[in-house]
Structure formats: C-alpha cells, structure tokens
C-alpha cells in the first residue's frame, strides 16, 4: 500500500525514490534526535573448525540434511569491550564474542528425520573502529549465517561435522541531535487494508474476469 501524499509548493511528495531535480524546497529546518553511525565495517567468516557433534542415530544410514534456526547473538557480559587507542584520537579497539546457535537435521532412508537441537559455537572479533566517545558510544551489529557443509561420520560413535558461513557488520554510533531540511509532519496515512476474514470476502475483492475468449494475435 503506497504512502499518503503531501502537497508542498504545488508538488505532491511521498516517501520513496525521486528523480534528480524533483525535490521541492524544504519548508523548515527540523531538529531531530537520531542514532548516527560514525563508523562501520563488514566481514565474512568461514567457521570450519567447529568440533564434531556426537549423537545417537534413531535409524540406520543417517545422512546430513541441513541446518536451520541459525542465530547469531552477542555474548553478554561482557558485550562490546571498547578500548581507546592513545596514538589514534577518536579510534578504539573493539572486542566482542558472538554465539552461533543452530539445529541440525538428519535424514534416514525410511523417510524419517532427526533433529539435533541447540548446537552452539562461538567466534570473536577484535577490530578497530572510529568511536568518537567511548563512554556514550552505542555499538551495533547485524549478522546473517548459513550452513555451508555437513557430513555424518558413522563409526564406533556417530558424529556430524558442519561448516558455517557468517556475514557480520559492526557499527559504532551515538545518539545525537541533527538539523535537517524538512517538509513538516507526515500526512495521515491511508486506511488500513483489512485481511479477508472468509472466502466470500476474498472473492468479492477479486477483479471481475473477462468472459470473452482470447483471439489469435
């Protein structure tokens, strides 16, 4: 559903992409409180040294299927440890440990599956970021993980090996007040679209079909 439009200087504006030169003159200078990102870095990691996981099979000839429910969380305490670098004003050493949690799915030839839940591993980051004030800095992170490889090893004990891939972005930020050009408050949004509560409601909202057969073009 599109945003509501607002008329500014004879031009309708709405949040979204704009063409160059199509932005009207601001109507005010606003002071807003925002979390400003001062520095950020990204990295990908391949966790290929995770210890083998021992399990008791529920059938014969187990085969690795997939990992799911993968999450990456910051280990707290200590959380992010920020140490200013004395010979680089504004910069700091940032250290953190992250916990990766994941389930492993094992398949069997008879069509059954076995879930090995809540497996965990950790990785650490030791990086340098611009952190203008370590006392009020807000450290943020975003991470996405996936299972790159898995294999079941059958022997005296049965184990499974996995390799995980991690993409992570770490940011240093501070809550600040900024002056920005603005167009006043946003207009009242359009009415909400009601989710159809039954099949008749859904049917009544569908477009009317054409009764004419298609012709050869």
N, C-alpha and C. Protein backbone atom coordinates (compact mmCIF):
# COMPACT_ATOMS: atom_id res chain seq x y z
N UNK A 1 0.85 -1.18 0.00
CA UNK A 1 0.00 0.00 0.00
C UNK A 1 0.89 1.24 0.00
N UNK A 2 0.68 2.19 -0.93
CA UNK A 2 1.55 3.37 -1.00
C UNK A 2 1.33 4.31 0.17
N UNK A 3 2.37 5.14 0.44
CA UNK A 3 2.25 6.16 1.46
C UNK A 3 1.28 7.24 1.01
N UNK A 4 0.73 7.96 1.99
CA UNK A 4 -0.09 9.12 1.67
C UNK A 4 0.81 10.22 1.09
N UNK A 5 0.24 11.06 0.20
CA UNK A 5 0.99 12.13 -0.43
C UNK A 5 0.72 13.45 0.28
N UNK A 6 1.71 14.35 0.18
CA UNK A 6 1.58 15.67 0.79
C UNK A 6 1.90 16.72 -0.26
N UNK A 7 1.11 17.78 -0.32
CA UNK A 7 1.31 18.85 -1.29
C UNK A 7 2.25 19.89 -0.71
N UNK A 8 3.40 20.08 -1.36
CA UNK A 8 4.41 21.05 -0.93
C UNK A 8 4.76 21.92 -2.13
N UNK A 9 4.43 23.22 -2.06
CA UNK A 9 4.76 24.12 -3.16
C UNK A 9 4.16 23.71 -4.48
N UNK A 10 2.95 23.18 -4.46
CA UNK A 10 2.30 22.75 -5.68
C UNK A 10 2.76 21.40 -6.19
N UNK A 11 3.62 20.71 -5.44
CA UNK A 11 4.14 19.40 -5.86
C UNK A 11 3.80 18.36 -4.81
N UNK A 12 3.27 17.23 -5.27
CA UNK A 12 2.95 16.15 -4.35
C UNK A 12 4.22 15.36 -4.05
N UNK A 13 4.49 15.14 -2.75
CA UNK A 13 5.65 14.35 -2.36
C UNK A 13 5.20 13.19 -1.49
N UNK A 14 6.01 12.13 -1.51
CA UNK A 14 5.72 10.94 -0.71
C UNK A 14 7.03 10.19 -0.51
N UNK A 15 7.19 9.45 0.58
CA UNK A 15 8.42 8.68 0.76
C UNK A 15 8.65 7.71 -0.40
N UNK A 16 9.89 7.62 -0.85
CA UNK A 16 10.23 6.72 -1.95
C UNK A 16 11.27 7.33 -2.86
N UNK A 17 11.65 6.62 -3.92
CA UNK A 17 12.65 7.12 -4.86
C UNK A 17 12.20 8.41 -5.53
N UNK A 18 13.15 9.29 -5.86
CA UNK A 18 12.84 10.54 -6.56
C UNK A 18 13.82 10.71 -7.72
N UNK A 19 13.37 11.44 -8.72
CA UNK A 19 14.22 11.75 -9.86
C UNK A 19 15.09 12.96 -9.51
N UNK A 20 16.29 13.06 -10.09
CA UNK A 20 17.13 14.24 -9.84
C UNK A 20 16.40 15.54 -10.19
N UNK A 21 16.50 16.51 -9.30
CA UNK A 21 15.88 17.81 -9.54
C UNK A 21 14.39 17.86 -9.24
N UNK A 22 13.84 16.75 -8.72
CA UNK A 22 12.39 16.70 -8.45
C UNK A 22 12.05 16.89 -6.98
N UNK A 23 13.01 17.35 -6.18
CA UNK A 23 12.76 17.57 -4.75
C UNK A 23 12.40 19.03 -4.53
N UNK A 24 11.23 19.32 -3.98
CA UNK A 24 10.85 20.72 -3.74
C UNK A 24 11.68 21.34 -2.63
N UNK A 25 11.65 22.67 -2.53
CA UNK A 25 12.36 23.37 -1.48
C UNK A 25 11.79 22.99 -0.12
N UNK A 26 12.64 22.75 0.89
CA UNK A 26 12.13 22.43 2.23
C UNK A 26 11.30 23.57 2.79
N UNK A 27 10.40 23.21 3.68
CA UNK A 27 9.54 24.21 4.32
C UNK A 27 10.02 24.57 5.72
N UNK A 28 10.99 23.82 6.24
CA UNK A 28 11.50 24.12 7.58
C UNK A 28 12.85 23.44 7.78
N UNK A 29 13.56 23.90 8.81
CA UNK A 29 14.75 23.20 9.31
C UNK A 29 14.35 22.56 10.62
N UNK A 30 14.41 21.22 10.68
CA UNK A 30 13.94 20.49 11.86
C UNK A 30 15.12 19.96 12.66
N UNK A 31 14.96 19.93 13.99
CA UNK A 31 15.93 19.30 14.87
C UNK A 31 15.38 17.94 15.27
N UNK A 32 16.08 16.89 14.87
CA UNK A 32 15.62 15.54 15.18
C UNK A 32 16.67 14.81 16.00
N UNK A 33 16.23 13.87 16.79
CA UNK A 33 17.15 13.03 17.56
C UNK A 33 17.25 11.69 16.85
N UNK A 34 18.47 11.31 16.48
CA UNK A 34 18.70 10.09 15.72
C UNK A 34 19.93 9.37 16.26
N UNK A 35 20.05 8.12 15.89
CA UNK A 35 21.27 7.36 16.16
C UNK A 35 22.16 7.48 14.93
N UNK A 36 23.22 8.25 15.04
CA UNK A 36 24.12 8.50 13.91
C UNK A 36 25.24 7.47 13.89
N UNK A 37 25.43 6.85 12.74
CA UNK A 37 26.51 5.89 12.56
C UNK A 37 27.80 6.65 12.24
N UNK A 38 28.83 6.47 13.06
CA UNK A 38 30.10 7.15 12.85
C UNK A 38 31.10 6.29 12.08
N UNK A 39 31.01 4.99 12.23
CA UNK A 39 31.91 4.10 11.50
C UNK A 39 31.28 2.72 11.45
N UNK A 40 31.69 1.94 10.48
CA UNK A 40 31.17 0.57 10.35
C UNK A 40 32.13 -0.24 9.50
N UNK A 41 32.12 -1.54 9.72
CA UNK A 41 32.93 -2.43 8.89
C UNK A 41 32.19 -3.75 8.74
N UNK A 42 32.51 -4.45 7.67
CA UNK A 42 31.85 -5.74 7.39
C UNK A 42 32.91 -6.81 7.18
N UNK A 43 32.49 -8.03 7.44
CA UNK A 43 33.41 -9.16 7.28
C UNK A 43 32.63 -10.43 7.10
N UNK A 44 33.19 -11.36 6.35
CA UNK A 44 32.62 -12.70 6.25
C UNK A 44 33.60 -13.69 6.87
N UNK A 45 33.05 -14.66 7.58
CA UNK A 45 33.86 -15.66 8.26
C UNK A 45 33.38 -17.05 7.86
N UNK A 46 34.32 -17.95 7.73
CA UNK A 46 34.01 -19.35 7.48
C UNK A 46 34.43 -20.14 8.71
N UNK A 47 33.45 -20.62 9.46
CA UNK A 47 33.73 -21.36 10.70
C UNK A 47 33.89 -22.83 10.34
N UNK A 48 35.14 -23.20 10.01
CA UNK A 48 35.42 -24.56 9.55
C UNK A 48 36.17 -25.40 10.58
N UNK A 49 36.23 -24.91 11.82
CA UNK A 49 36.91 -25.68 12.87
C UNK A 49 35.98 -26.01 14.02
N UNK A 50 34.68 -26.14 13.73
CA UNK A 50 33.70 -26.49 14.76
C UNK A 50 33.90 -27.95 15.16
N UNK A 51 34.03 -28.25 16.44
CA UNK A 51 34.21 -29.65 16.87
C UNK A 51 33.07 -30.55 16.40
N UNK A 52 33.39 -31.79 16.11
CA UNK A 52 32.36 -32.76 15.70
C UNK A 52 31.32 -32.91 16.80
N UNK A 53 30.07 -33.11 16.39
CA UNK A 53 28.96 -33.27 17.33
C UNK A 53 28.57 -34.74 17.35
N UNK A 54 28.64 -35.34 18.52
CA UNK A 54 28.29 -36.75 18.68
C UNK A 54 26.79 -36.88 18.95
N UNK A 55 26.16 -37.87 18.30
CA UNK A 55 24.73 -38.10 18.54
C UNK A 55 24.42 -39.58 18.39
N UNK A 56 23.26 -39.97 18.91
CA UNK A 56 22.79 -41.36 18.82
C UNK A 56 21.74 -41.42 17.72
N UNK A 57 22.02 -42.10 16.61
CA UNK A 57 21.06 -42.15 15.50
C UNK A 57 19.76 -42.84 15.91
N UNK A 58 18.67 -42.39 15.31
CA UNK A 58 17.37 -43.02 15.56
C UNK A 58 17.04 -44.04 14.47
N UNK A 59 17.96 -44.25 13.54
CA UNK A 59 17.77 -45.21 12.46
C UNK A 59 19.12 -45.60 11.89
N UNK A 60 19.08 -46.28 10.75
CA UNK A 60 20.31 -46.71 10.09
C UNK A 60 20.62 -45.80 8.91
N UNK A 61 21.89 -45.71 8.56
CA UNK A 61 22.38 -44.91 7.43
C UNK A 61 21.94 -43.43 7.52
N UNK A 62 22.30 -42.76 8.61
CA UNK A 62 21.93 -41.35 8.73
C UNK A 62 22.70 -40.50 7.72
N UNK A 63 22.02 -39.46 7.22
CA UNK A 63 22.61 -38.55 6.23
C UNK A 63 22.32 -37.12 6.67
N UNK A 64 23.33 -36.26 6.59
CA UNK A 64 23.11 -34.85 6.92
C UNK A 64 22.14 -34.24 5.92
N UNK A 65 21.20 -33.44 6.43
CA UNK A 65 20.22 -32.77 5.57
C UNK A 65 20.47 -31.27 5.51
N UNK A 66 20.38 -30.60 6.65
CA UNK A 66 20.53 -29.14 6.66
C UNK A 66 20.69 -28.64 8.09
N UNK A 67 21.05 -27.37 8.19
CA UNK A 67 20.99 -26.65 9.46
C UNK A 67 19.86 -25.65 9.35
N UNK A 68 19.15 -25.44 10.45
CA UNK A 68 18.14 -24.39 10.45
C UNK A 68 18.10 -23.72 11.82
N UNK A 69 17.25 -22.71 11.91
CA UNK A 69 17.14 -21.90 13.14
C UNK A 69 18.51 -21.36 13.57
N UNK A 70 19.28 -20.87 12.59
CA UNK A 70 20.61 -20.34 12.90
C UNK A 70 20.47 -18.91 13.40
N UNK A 71 21.04 -18.62 14.57
CA UNK A 71 21.02 -17.27 15.13
C UNK A 71 22.43 -16.88 15.55
N UNK A 72 22.71 -15.58 15.48
CA UNK A 72 23.99 -15.04 15.93
C UNK A 72 23.69 -13.96 16.97
N UNK A 73 24.19 -14.14 18.19
CA UNK A 73 23.92 -13.19 19.26
C UNK A 73 25.23 -12.79 19.95
N UNK A 74 25.22 -11.57 20.48
CA UNK A 74 26.37 -11.06 21.21
C UNK A 74 26.41 -11.69 22.60
N UNK A 75 27.57 -12.17 23.02
CA UNK A 75 27.71 -12.75 24.35
C UNK A 75 27.81 -11.60 25.36
N UNK A 76 26.83 -11.54 26.27
CA UNK A 76 26.82 -10.51 27.31
C UNK A 76 26.57 -11.14 28.67
N UNK A 77 27.32 -10.71 29.73
CA UNK A 77 28.52 -9.88 29.59
C UNK A 77 29.65 -10.66 28.91
N UNK A 78 30.65 -9.97 28.40
CA UNK A 78 30.94 -8.55 28.57
C UNK A 78 30.35 -7.65 27.51
N UNK A 79 29.74 -8.21 26.43
CA UNK A 79 29.28 -7.37 25.34
C UNK A 79 30.46 -6.81 24.56
N UNK A 80 30.31 -5.60 24.04
CA UNK A 80 31.41 -4.95 23.33
C UNK A 80 32.38 -4.32 24.33
N UNK A 81 33.64 -4.63 24.21
CA UNK A 81 34.68 -4.03 25.04
C UNK A 81 35.41 -2.99 24.19
N UNK A 82 35.32 -1.72 24.59
CA UNK A 82 35.88 -0.61 23.81
C UNK A 82 37.10 -0.06 24.55
N UNK A 83 38.24 -0.04 23.87
CA UNK A 83 39.48 0.47 24.46
C UNK A 83 40.04 1.55 23.54
N UNK A 84 40.00 2.83 23.96
CA UNK A 84 40.54 3.89 23.11
C UNK A 84 42.02 3.64 22.78
N UNK A 85 42.41 4.00 21.54
CA UNK A 85 43.79 3.87 21.10
C UNK A 85 44.46 5.22 21.30
N UNK A 86 45.45 5.27 22.18
CA UNK A 86 46.01 6.55 22.60
C UNK A 86 46.67 7.32 21.47
N UNK A 87 47.32 6.65 20.54
CA UNK A 87 48.02 7.35 19.47
C UNK A 87 47.16 7.55 18.22
N UNK A 88 45.86 7.21 18.31
CA UNK A 88 44.93 7.45 17.20
C UNK A 88 43.66 8.07 17.77
N UNK A 89 43.64 9.38 17.94
CA UNK A 89 42.49 10.05 18.58
C UNK A 89 41.18 9.71 17.87
N UNK A 90 40.18 9.35 18.68
CA UNK A 90 38.86 9.02 18.14
C UNK A 90 38.70 7.56 17.79
N UNK A 91 39.81 6.83 17.64
CA UNK A 91 39.71 5.42 17.27
C UNK A 91 39.82 4.54 18.52
N UNK A 92 39.24 3.34 18.41
CA UNK A 92 39.24 2.44 19.55
C UNK A 92 39.34 0.99 19.08
N UNK A 93 39.91 0.20 19.95
CA UNK A 93 39.90 -1.26 19.76
C UNK A 93 38.56 -1.77 20.26
N UNK A 94 37.86 -2.55 19.43
CA UNK A 94 36.55 -3.08 19.79
C UNK A 94 36.62 -4.60 19.77
N UNK A 95 36.34 -5.20 20.93
CA UNK A 95 36.39 -6.65 21.06
C UNK A 95 35.02 -7.19 21.43
N UNK A 96 34.68 -8.34 20.86
CA UNK A 96 33.38 -8.95 21.17
C UNK A 96 33.41 -10.43 20.84
N UNK A 97 32.59 -11.18 21.55
CA UNK A 97 32.40 -12.61 21.29
C UNK A 97 30.95 -12.84 20.91
N UNK A 98 30.74 -13.63 19.86
CA UNK A 98 29.40 -13.91 19.38
C UNK A 98 29.11 -15.41 19.48
N UNK A 99 27.87 -15.70 19.82
CA UNK A 99 27.41 -17.09 19.95
C UNK A 99 26.53 -17.44 18.75
N UNK A 100 26.88 -18.54 18.09
CA UNK A 100 26.06 -19.03 16.98
C UNK A 100 25.32 -20.28 17.45
N UNK A 101 23.99 -20.24 17.34
CA UNK A 101 23.17 -21.38 17.74
C UNK A 101 22.45 -21.93 16.50
N UNK A 102 22.34 -23.25 16.41
CA UNK A 102 21.74 -23.84 15.21
C UNK A 102 21.26 -25.26 15.50
N UNK A 103 20.25 -25.68 14.75
CA UNK A 103 19.76 -27.05 14.78
C UNK A 103 20.30 -27.79 13.56
N UNK A 104 20.53 -29.09 13.73
CA UNK A 104 20.97 -29.94 12.63
C UNK A 104 19.88 -30.97 12.34
N UNK A 105 19.55 -31.11 11.06
CA UNK A 105 18.54 -32.08 10.64
C UNK A 105 19.23 -33.27 9.98
N UNK A 106 18.91 -34.47 10.46
CA UNK A 106 19.46 -35.71 9.92
C UNK A 106 18.33 -36.48 9.22
N UNK A 107 18.59 -36.95 8.01
CA UNK A 107 17.60 -37.74 7.27
C UNK A 107 17.97 -39.22 7.29
N UNK A 108 16.93 -40.06 7.17
CA UNK A 108 17.11 -41.50 7.10
C UNK A 108 16.41 -42.05 5.86
N UNK A 109 16.92 -43.18 5.32
CA UNK A 109 16.34 -43.73 4.09
C UNK A 109 14.86 -44.05 4.18
N UNK A 110 14.34 -44.31 5.38
CA UNK A 110 12.92 -44.65 5.50
C UNK A 110 12.02 -43.41 5.52
N UNK A 111 12.63 -42.23 5.31
CA UNK A 111 11.83 -41.01 5.25
C UNK A 111 11.71 -40.27 6.57
N UNK A 112 12.24 -40.83 7.64
CA UNK A 112 12.16 -40.16 8.94
C UNK A 112 13.32 -39.17 9.07
N UNK A 113 13.15 -38.25 10.03
CA UNK A 113 14.20 -37.26 10.29
C UNK A 113 14.49 -37.21 11.78
N UNK A 114 15.63 -36.69 12.09
CA UNK A 114 16.05 -36.49 13.48
C UNK A 114 16.63 -35.08 13.60
N UNK A 115 16.20 -34.37 14.64
CA UNK A 115 16.69 -33.01 14.87
C UNK A 115 17.67 -33.00 16.04
N UNK A 116 18.83 -32.45 15.81
CA UNK A 116 19.81 -32.25 16.88
C UNK A 116 19.74 -30.77 17.24
N UNK A 117 19.04 -30.42 18.31
CA UNK A 117 18.75 -29.01 18.57
C UNK A 117 19.83 -28.28 19.37
N UNK A 118 19.80 -26.96 19.23
CA UNK A 118 20.56 -26.04 20.09
C UNK A 118 22.05 -26.34 20.15
N UNK A 119 22.64 -26.61 18.99
CA UNK A 119 24.10 -26.72 18.94
C UNK A 119 24.68 -25.31 18.93
N UNK A 120 25.85 -25.14 19.49
CA UNK A 120 26.42 -23.80 19.58
C UNK A 120 27.91 -23.81 19.26
N UNK A 121 28.37 -22.68 18.78
CA UNK A 121 29.79 -22.40 18.63
C UNK A 121 29.97 -20.90 18.80
N UNK A 122 31.18 -20.45 18.94
CA UNK A 122 31.43 -19.02 19.14
C UNK A 122 32.53 -18.55 18.19
N UNK A 123 32.55 -17.25 17.97
CA UNK A 123 33.67 -16.62 17.27
C UNK A 123 33.88 -15.24 17.87
N UNK A 124 35.08 -14.74 17.76
CA UNK A 124 35.42 -13.45 18.36
C UNK A 124 35.80 -12.46 17.27
N UNK A 125 35.61 -11.17 17.57
CA UNK A 125 36.04 -10.09 16.71
C UNK A 125 36.92 -9.15 17.51
N UNK A 126 38.01 -8.72 16.91
CA UNK A 126 38.96 -7.80 17.53
C UNK A 126 39.34 -6.80 16.44
N UNK A 127 38.67 -5.66 16.41
CA UNK A 127 38.76 -4.75 15.28
C UNK A 127 39.03 -3.32 15.75
N UNK A 128 39.27 -2.42 14.81
CA UNK A 128 39.47 -1.01 15.09
C UNK A 128 38.36 -0.22 14.38
N UNK A 129 37.68 0.64 15.13
CA UNK A 129 36.64 1.49 14.57
C UNK A 129 36.81 2.91 15.09
N UNK A 130 36.28 3.88 14.34
CA UNK A 130 36.22 5.25 14.82
C UNK A 130 35.09 5.35 15.83
N UNK A 131 35.43 5.62 17.08
CA UNK A 131 34.45 5.73 18.18
C UNK A 131 34.73 7.08 18.87
N UNK A 132 34.03 8.15 18.47
CA UNK A 132 34.39 9.48 18.97
C UNK A 132 34.30 9.64 20.48
N UNK A 133 33.43 8.91 21.12
CA UNK A 133 33.30 8.99 22.58
C UNK A 133 32.92 7.61 23.10
N UNK A 134 33.88 6.91 23.66
CA UNK A 134 33.64 5.53 24.08
C UNK A 134 32.67 5.43 25.25
N UNK A 135 32.50 6.53 25.99
CA UNK A 135 31.62 6.50 27.16
C UNK A 135 30.14 6.51 26.77
N UNK A 136 29.82 7.11 25.64
CA UNK A 136 28.41 7.18 25.23
C UNK A 136 28.17 6.44 23.92
N UNK A 137 29.17 5.75 23.42
CA UNK A 137 29.02 5.06 22.14
C UNK A 137 27.99 3.95 22.23
N UNK A 138 27.29 3.75 21.14
CA UNK A 138 26.33 2.66 21.01
C UNK A 138 26.88 1.71 19.94
N UNK A 139 27.26 0.52 20.35
CA UNK A 139 27.78 -0.45 19.40
C UNK A 139 26.62 -1.30 18.87
N UNK A 140 26.59 -1.45 17.56
CA UNK A 140 25.52 -2.22 16.92
C UNK A 140 26.14 -3.30 16.04
N UNK A 141 25.35 -4.32 15.76
CA UNK A 141 25.82 -5.35 14.84
C UNK A 141 24.63 -5.97 14.12
N UNK A 142 24.89 -6.46 12.94
CA UNK A 142 23.93 -7.24 12.17
C UNK A 142 24.67 -8.46 11.65
N UNK A 143 24.04 -9.61 11.71
CA UNK A 143 24.72 -10.83 11.26
C UNK A 143 23.73 -11.79 10.61
N UNK A 144 24.22 -12.44 9.57
CA UNK A 144 23.45 -13.47 8.86
C UNK A 144 24.36 -14.69 8.74
N UNK A 145 23.78 -15.87 8.96
CA UNK A 145 24.59 -17.09 8.92
C UNK A 145 23.90 -18.15 8.09
N UNK A 146 24.70 -19.05 7.53
CA UNK A 146 24.15 -20.19 6.80
C UNK A 146 25.08 -21.38 6.94
N UNK A 147 24.52 -22.54 6.71
CA UNK A 147 25.30 -23.78 6.79
C UNK A 147 25.89 -24.06 5.40
N UNK A 148 27.20 -24.13 5.32
CA UNK A 148 27.87 -24.34 4.04
C UNK A 148 28.13 -25.80 3.73
N UNK A 149 28.22 -26.63 4.77
CA UNK A 149 28.61 -28.02 4.55
C UNK A 149 28.21 -28.84 5.76
N UNK A 150 27.87 -30.10 5.54
CA UNK A 150 27.58 -31.01 6.63
C UNK A 150 27.81 -32.46 6.22
N UNK A 151 28.31 -33.25 7.15
CA UNK A 151 28.58 -34.66 6.84
C UNK A 151 28.47 -35.50 8.09
N UNK A 152 27.80 -36.65 7.98
CA UNK A 152 27.68 -37.61 9.08
C UNK A 152 28.81 -38.62 8.97
N UNK A 153 29.46 -38.89 10.11
CA UNK A 153 30.54 -39.88 10.18
C UNK A 153 30.08 -41.03 11.06
N UNK A 154 29.93 -42.22 10.46
CA UNK A 154 29.45 -43.40 11.19
C UNK A 154 30.65 -44.27 11.54
N UNK A 155 30.77 -44.60 12.82
CA UNK A 155 31.87 -45.44 13.30
C UNK A 155 31.51 -46.01 14.65
N UNK A 156 32.51 -46.13 15.53
CA UNK A 156 32.23 -46.58 16.90
C UNK A 156 31.23 -45.65 17.55
N UNK A 157 31.39 -44.36 17.29
CA UNK A 157 30.39 -43.35 17.64
C UNK A 157 29.99 -42.64 16.36
N UNK A 158 28.80 -42.08 16.36
CA UNK A 158 28.32 -41.35 15.18
C UNK A 158 28.43 -39.87 15.45
N UNK A 159 29.05 -39.17 14.52
CA UNK A 159 29.23 -37.73 14.67
C UNK A 159 28.78 -37.02 13.40
N UNK A 160 28.61 -35.71 13.51
CA UNK A 160 28.29 -34.90 12.35
C UNK A 160 29.19 -33.67 12.39
N UNK A 161 29.74 -33.33 11.24
CA UNK A 161 30.58 -32.14 11.09
C UNK A 161 29.83 -31.11 10.24
N UNK A 162 29.94 -29.84 10.62
CA UNK A 162 29.32 -28.78 9.83
C UNK A 162 30.31 -27.63 9.68
N UNK A 163 30.13 -26.87 8.62
CA UNK A 163 30.86 -25.63 8.39
C UNK A 163 29.83 -24.52 8.23
N UNK A 164 30.00 -23.44 8.97
CA UNK A 164 29.05 -22.33 8.93
C UNK A 164 29.70 -21.11 8.30
N UNK A 165 28.93 -20.37 7.54
CA UNK A 165 29.38 -19.11 6.96
C UNK A 165 28.66 -17.95 7.64
N UNK A 166 29.41 -16.93 8.00
CA UNK A 166 28.86 -15.79 8.73
C UNK A 166 29.15 -14.50 7.97
N UNK A 167 28.14 -13.68 7.80
CA UNK A 167 28.33 -12.29 7.35
C UNK A 167 28.00 -11.40 8.54
N UNK A 168 28.87 -10.46 8.85
CA UNK A 168 28.62 -9.61 10.00
C UNK A 168 29.03 -8.17 9.70
N UNK A 169 28.22 -7.23 10.19
CA UNK A 169 28.51 -5.80 10.11
C UNK A 169 28.51 -5.26 11.53
N UNK A 170 29.56 -4.54 11.91
CA UNK A 170 29.66 -3.93 13.24
C UNK A 170 29.75 -2.42 13.06
N UNK A 171 28.97 -1.69 13.88
CA UNK A 171 28.87 -0.25 13.73
C UNK A 171 29.11 0.45 15.06
N UNK A 172 29.71 1.64 15.00
CA UNK A 172 29.79 2.50 16.18
C UNK A 172 28.86 3.67 15.94
N UNK A 173 28.06 4.01 16.94
CA UNK A 173 27.04 5.05 16.77
C UNK A 173 26.90 5.84 18.06
N UNK A 174 26.26 7.01 17.93
CA UNK A 174 25.96 7.86 19.08
C UNK A 174 24.59 8.50 18.83
N UNK A 175 23.79 8.61 19.88
CA UNK A 175 22.53 9.35 19.78
C UNK A 175 22.83 10.84 19.76
N UNK A 176 22.41 11.52 18.69
CA UNK A 176 22.71 12.94 18.53
C UNK A 176 21.46 13.68 18.08
N UNK A 177 21.54 15.02 18.14
CA UNK A 177 20.50 15.88 17.58
C UNK A 177 21.06 16.50 16.30
N UNK A 178 20.31 16.37 15.20
CA UNK A 178 20.75 16.87 13.91
C UNK A 178 19.75 17.88 13.37
N UNK A 179 20.26 18.89 12.67
CA UNK A 179 19.41 19.81 11.93
C UNK A 179 19.30 19.29 10.50
N UNK A 180 18.07 19.14 10.01
CA UNK A 180 17.87 18.64 8.65
C UNK A 180 16.79 19.46 7.96
N UNK A 181 16.88 19.61 6.64
CA UNK A 181 15.76 20.22 5.91
C UNK A 181 14.56 19.29 5.95
N UNK A 182 13.38 19.84 6.11
CA UNK A 182 12.19 19.01 6.27
C UNK A 182 10.99 19.63 5.58
N UNK A 183 9.93 18.85 5.50
CA UNK A 183 8.69 19.27 4.87
C UNK A 183 7.51 19.21 5.84
N UNK A 184 7.80 19.36 7.12
CA UNK A 184 6.72 19.29 8.10
C UNK A 184 6.39 17.85 8.46
N UNK A 185 5.28 17.68 9.14
CA UNK A 185 4.87 16.35 9.59
C UNK A 185 4.32 15.53 8.43
N UNK A 186 4.41 14.23 8.57
CA UNK A 186 3.86 13.33 7.55
C UNK A 186 2.34 13.41 7.57
N UNK A 187 1.69 13.27 6.40
CA UNK A 187 0.23 13.30 6.38
C UNK A 187 -0.37 12.05 7.02
N UNK A 188 -1.65 12.12 7.33
CA UNK A 188 -2.34 10.95 7.87
C UNK A 188 -2.29 9.82 6.85
N UNK A 189 -1.86 8.63 7.24
CA UNK A 189 -1.75 7.53 6.28
C UNK A 189 -3.11 7.08 5.78
N UNK A 190 -3.15 6.38 4.64
CA UNK A 190 -4.42 5.86 4.13
C UNK A 190 -4.98 4.79 5.05
N UNK A 191 -6.24 4.48 4.84
CA UNK A 191 -6.90 3.46 5.66
C UNK A 191 -6.21 2.12 5.50
N UNK A 192 -6.21 1.33 6.58
CA UNK A 192 -5.59 0.01 6.54
C UNK A 192 -6.38 -0.92 5.62
N UNK A 193 -5.66 -1.82 4.96
CA UNK A 193 -6.29 -2.86 4.17
C UNK A 193 -6.66 -4.02 5.08
N UNK A 194 -7.94 -4.32 5.16
CA UNK A 194 -8.40 -5.41 6.02
C UNK A 194 -8.08 -6.75 5.38
N UNK A 195 -7.53 -7.66 6.18
CA UNK A 195 -7.28 -9.01 5.67
C UNK A 195 -8.61 -9.75 5.56
N UNK A 196 -8.88 -10.40 4.40
CA UNK A 196 -10.17 -11.08 4.25
C UNK A 196 -10.39 -12.11 5.34
N UNK A 197 -11.55 -12.03 5.98
CA UNK A 197 -11.83 -12.95 7.09
C UNK A 197 -12.46 -14.25 6.63
N UNK A 198 -12.98 -14.29 5.40
CA UNK A 198 -13.53 -15.54 4.89
C UNK A 198 -13.40 -15.55 3.36
N UNK A 199 -13.73 -16.69 2.77
CA UNK A 199 -13.53 -16.84 1.33
C UNK A 199 -14.44 -15.93 0.54
N UNK A 200 -15.63 -15.61 1.07
CA UNK A 200 -16.54 -14.71 0.35
C UNK A 200 -15.97 -13.30 0.27
N UNK A 201 -15.38 -12.83 1.38
CA UNK A 201 -14.75 -11.50 1.36
C UNK A 201 -13.64 -11.45 0.32
N UNK A 202 -12.83 -12.52 0.27
CA UNK A 202 -11.75 -12.56 -0.70
C UNK A 202 -12.28 -12.58 -2.12
N UNK A 203 -13.35 -13.36 -2.33
CA UNK A 203 -13.96 -13.44 -3.66
C UNK A 203 -14.49 -12.09 -4.11
N UNK A 204 -15.12 -11.32 -3.20
CA UNK A 204 -15.71 -10.04 -3.55
C UNK A 204 -14.66 -8.99 -3.91
N UNK A 205 -13.40 -9.20 -3.48
CA UNK A 205 -12.34 -8.24 -3.76
C UNK A 205 -11.58 -8.56 -5.05
N UNK A 206 -11.80 -9.74 -5.62
CA UNK A 206 -11.09 -10.11 -6.83
C UNK A 206 -11.65 -9.38 -8.04
N UNK A 207 -10.80 -9.05 -9.04
CA UNK A 207 -11.31 -8.37 -10.24
C UNK A 207 -12.24 -9.28 -11.03
N UNK A 208 -13.17 -8.65 -11.71
CA UNK A 208 -14.13 -9.42 -12.50
C UNK A 208 -13.42 -10.02 -13.70
N UNK A 209 -13.61 -11.31 -14.00
CA UNK A 209 -12.91 -11.93 -15.13
C UNK A 209 -13.55 -11.55 -16.46
N UNK A 210 -12.77 -11.68 -17.53
CA UNK A 210 -13.30 -11.46 -18.87
C UNK A 210 -14.01 -12.72 -19.34
N UNK A 211 -15.21 -12.53 -19.94
CA UNK A 211 -15.96 -13.67 -20.46
C UNK A 211 -15.64 -13.92 -21.94
N UNK A 212 -14.82 -13.04 -22.53
CA UNK A 212 -14.51 -13.19 -23.94
C UNK A 212 -13.30 -14.09 -24.12
N UNK A 213 -13.38 -15.07 -25.04
CA UNK A 213 -12.21 -15.94 -25.26
C UNK A 213 -11.09 -15.16 -25.94
N UNK A 214 -9.83 -15.51 -25.65
CA UNK A 214 -8.71 -14.81 -26.30
C UNK A 214 -8.69 -15.09 -27.79
N UNK A 215 -8.28 -14.09 -28.56
CA UNK A 215 -8.20 -14.28 -30.01
C UNK A 215 -6.75 -14.37 -30.44
N UNK A 216 -6.54 -14.95 -31.60
CA UNK A 216 -5.20 -15.12 -32.13
C UNK A 216 -4.63 -13.77 -32.50
N UNK A 217 -3.43 -13.46 -31.99
CA UNK A 217 -2.81 -12.16 -32.28
C UNK A 217 -1.81 -12.28 -33.41
